[in-house]
Amino acid sequence: MIIVSACLAGFNCRYDCSNSNDEGIVEMVVKKNAYPVCPEQLGGLSTPRPAAEIKGGDGNDVLDEKARVITIYGDDISAKIIKGAQEVLKLARMIGAKEAVLKEKSPSCGIAMIYRNGELISGIGVCAALLKREGIEVSPP
């Protein structure tokens, strides 16, 4: 069993109520080989929600309280993003997941690319960083 970003499984849980449907991921969920989760929703954020970016670093820096996740309106949602990542980690441990396939470019799920100041940059999201720290392999679809 692996963890997958729910938006990749076709769930409309992205900030703008859309998804990033990936047929391979959908098939894995249908076959019960993958468990879909949205860390942002698990952290208490609504859908739709304002777009957000990591300011001052990447997901590792947010976990270390050296950076923040800020919405386009200037609201600090770092605590909710961290809570969602912790809930995903709890689920991963519960089901014995050793791998997570996550949505690139997200402040939560980004593996190698995140947005900062409206530009795509190299960096990891908060949930991806936490899972990686805990020995769970993270990869894009």
Protein backbone atom coordinates (compact mmCIF):
# COMPACT_ATOMS: atom_id res chain seq x y z
CA MET A 1 0.00 0.00 0.00
CA ILE A 2 1.24 3.47 -0.85
CA ILE A 3 0.00 6.98 -0.13
CA VAL A 4 -1.02 9.15 -3.11
CA SER A 5 -2.12 12.76 -3.42
CA ALA A 6 -5.91 12.65 -3.63
CA CYS A 7 -5.93 15.18 -6.48
CA LEU A 8 -3.92 12.69 -8.57
CA ALA A 9 -6.70 10.14 -7.99
CA GLY A 10 -9.23 12.56 -9.47
CA PHE A 11 -10.55 14.14 -6.27
CA ASN A 12 -11.35 17.84 -6.65
CA CYS A 13 -9.33 18.86 -3.60
CA ARG A 14 -6.80 21.28 -5.10
CA TYR A 15 -6.96 24.88 -3.91
CA ASP A 16 -9.18 25.80 -6.89
CA CYS A 17 -11.52 22.78 -6.58
CA SER A 18 -9.86 21.02 -9.50
CA ASN A 19 -7.83 17.82 -9.68
CA SER A 20 -4.69 16.55 -11.40
CA ASN A 21 -6.17 13.24 -12.51
CA ASP A 22 -3.60 10.59 -13.37
CA GLU A 23 -5.13 7.40 -14.77
CA GLY A 24 -2.30 5.25 -13.40
CA ILE A 25 -2.93 6.58 -9.89
CA VAL A 26 -6.70 6.12 -10.27
CA GLU A 27 -6.11 2.50 -11.28
CA MET A 28 -3.90 1.94 -8.22
CA VAL A 29 -6.64 3.30 -5.94
CA VAL A 30 -9.34 1.21 -7.65
CA LYS A 31 -7.18 -1.90 -7.20
CA LYS A 32 -6.69 -0.95 -3.52
CA ASN A 33 -2.92 -0.61 -3.94
CA ALA A 34 -2.93 3.09 -3.01
CA TYR A 35 -4.62 5.27 -0.43
CA PRO A 36 -5.54 8.83 -1.53
CA VAL A 37 -5.03 11.71 0.91
CA CYS A 38 -5.04 15.50 0.77
CA PRO A 39 -2.76 16.87 3.48
CA GLU A 40 -4.18 20.36 3.16
CA GLN A 41 -7.72 19.14 3.83
CA LEU A 42 -6.47 16.90 6.67
CA GLY A 43 -4.88 19.97 8.19
CA GLY A 44 -8.23 21.76 8.27
CA LEU A 45 -8.06 23.87 5.13
CA SER A 46 -11.19 24.23 3.02
CA THR A 47 -11.69 23.57 -0.67
CA PRO A 48 -11.64 25.93 -2.41
CA ARG A 49 -8.94 27.84 -0.55
CA PRO A 50 -6.60 30.71 -1.42
CA ALA A 51 -3.45 29.72 -3.27
CA ALA A 52 -0.39 29.61 -1.02
CA GLU A 53 3.39 29.52 -1.30
CA ILE A 54 6.27 28.79 1.04
CA LYS A 55 8.05 32.02 1.93
CA GLY A 56 11.65 32.03 3.12
CA GLY A 57 12.65 28.47 2.30
CA ASP A 58 11.05 25.11 1.54
CA GLY A 59 9.11 22.42 3.40
CA ASN A 60 12.08 21.45 5.53
CA ASP A 61 12.42 25.06 6.63
CA VAL A 62 8.70 25.23 7.49
CA LEU A 63 9.06 22.10 9.65
CA ASP A 64 12.09 23.71 11.34
CA GLU A 65 10.12 26.97 11.85
CA LYS A 66 12.51 28.92 9.60
CA ALA A 67 9.94 29.56 6.83
CA ARG A 68 6.17 30.02 6.58
CA VAL A 69 3.34 29.02 4.25
CA ILE A 70 1.49 32.19 3.29
CA THR A 71 -1.69 32.59 1.21
CA ILE A 72 -2.06 35.13 -1.57
CA TYR A 73 -3.93 37.26 1.00
CA GLY A 74 -1.02 37.21 3.45
CA ASP A 75 -2.50 34.71 5.92
CA ASP A 76 -0.04 32.34 7.62
CA ILE A 77 -1.38 28.78 7.25
CA SER A 78 1.83 27.04 8.33
CA ALA A 79 0.24 25.36 11.37
CA LYS A 80 -2.52 23.80 9.26
CA ILE A 81 -0.07 22.65 6.58
CA ILE A 82 2.13 21.03 9.25
CA LYS A 83 -0.89 19.42 10.93
CA GLY A 84 -1.98 17.94 7.60
CA ALA A 85 1.51 16.54 6.99
CA GLN A 86 1.49 14.97 10.45
CA GLU A 87 -1.90 13.37 9.76
CA VAL A 88 -0.62 11.91 6.47
CA LEU A 89 2.41 10.52 8.32
CA LYS A 90 0.10 8.98 10.93
CA LEU A 91 -1.93 7.31 8.17
CA ALA A 92 1.20 6.11 6.38
CA ARG A 93 2.40 4.44 9.57
CA MET A 94 -1.05 2.96 10.22
CA ILE A 95 -1.21 1.25 6.81
CA GLY A 96 2.50 0.45 6.62
CA ALA A 97 3.15 2.66 3.59
CA LYS A 98 6.81 2.92 2.61
CA GLU A 99 6.18 5.10 -0.45
CA ALA A 100 4.16 8.18 -1.38
CA VAL A 101 3.37 9.45 -4.87
CA LEU A 102 2.70 13.15 -4.51
CA LYS A 103 1.60 16.11 -6.65
CA GLU A 104 4.56 18.19 -7.73
CA LYS A 105 4.56 22.01 -7.27
CA SER A 106 2.33 22.03 -4.17
CA PRO A 107 3.41 23.72 -0.90
CA SER A 108 2.42 20.46 0.80
CA CYS A 109 3.14 17.72 -1.71
CA GLY A 110 5.82 19.18 -3.98
CA ILE A 111 8.78 16.83 -4.24
CA ALA A 112 11.36 18.81 -6.18
CA MET A 113 9.48 21.95 -7.29
CA ILE A 114 7.40 24.52 -5.39
CA TYR A 115 6.16 28.04 -6.10
CA ARG A 116 7.70 31.13 -4.53
CA ASN A 117 6.73 34.67 -5.53
CA GLY A 118 4.74 33.24 -8.42
CA GLU A 119 7.75 31.43 -9.87
CA LEU A 120 8.44 27.71 -9.97
CA ILE A 121 11.64 26.98 -8.05
CA SER A 122 13.57 23.99 -6.76
CA GLY A 123 12.26 22.92 -3.36
CA ILE A 124 10.22 20.37 -1.41
CA GLY A 125 6.77 20.77 0.13
CA VAL A 126 5.99 20.34 3.82
CA CYS A 127 4.27 16.93 3.68
CA ALA A 128 6.85 15.54 1.25
CA ALA A 129 9.65 16.77 3.53
CA LEU A 130 8.10 15.20 6.64
CA LEU A 131 7.49 11.85 4.95
CA LYS A 132 11.02 11.84 3.57
CA ARG A 133 12.46 12.63 7.02
CA GLU A 134 10.57 9.64 8.38
CA GLY A 135 12.02 7.25 5.80
CA ILE A 136 9.09 7.15 3.38
CA GLU A 137 10.15 7.36 -0.26
CA VAL A 138 8.44 10.23 -2.07
CA SER A 139 8.14 10.47 -5.84
CA PRO A 140 6.08 12.22 -8.52
CA PRO A 141 3.60 10.23 -10.62
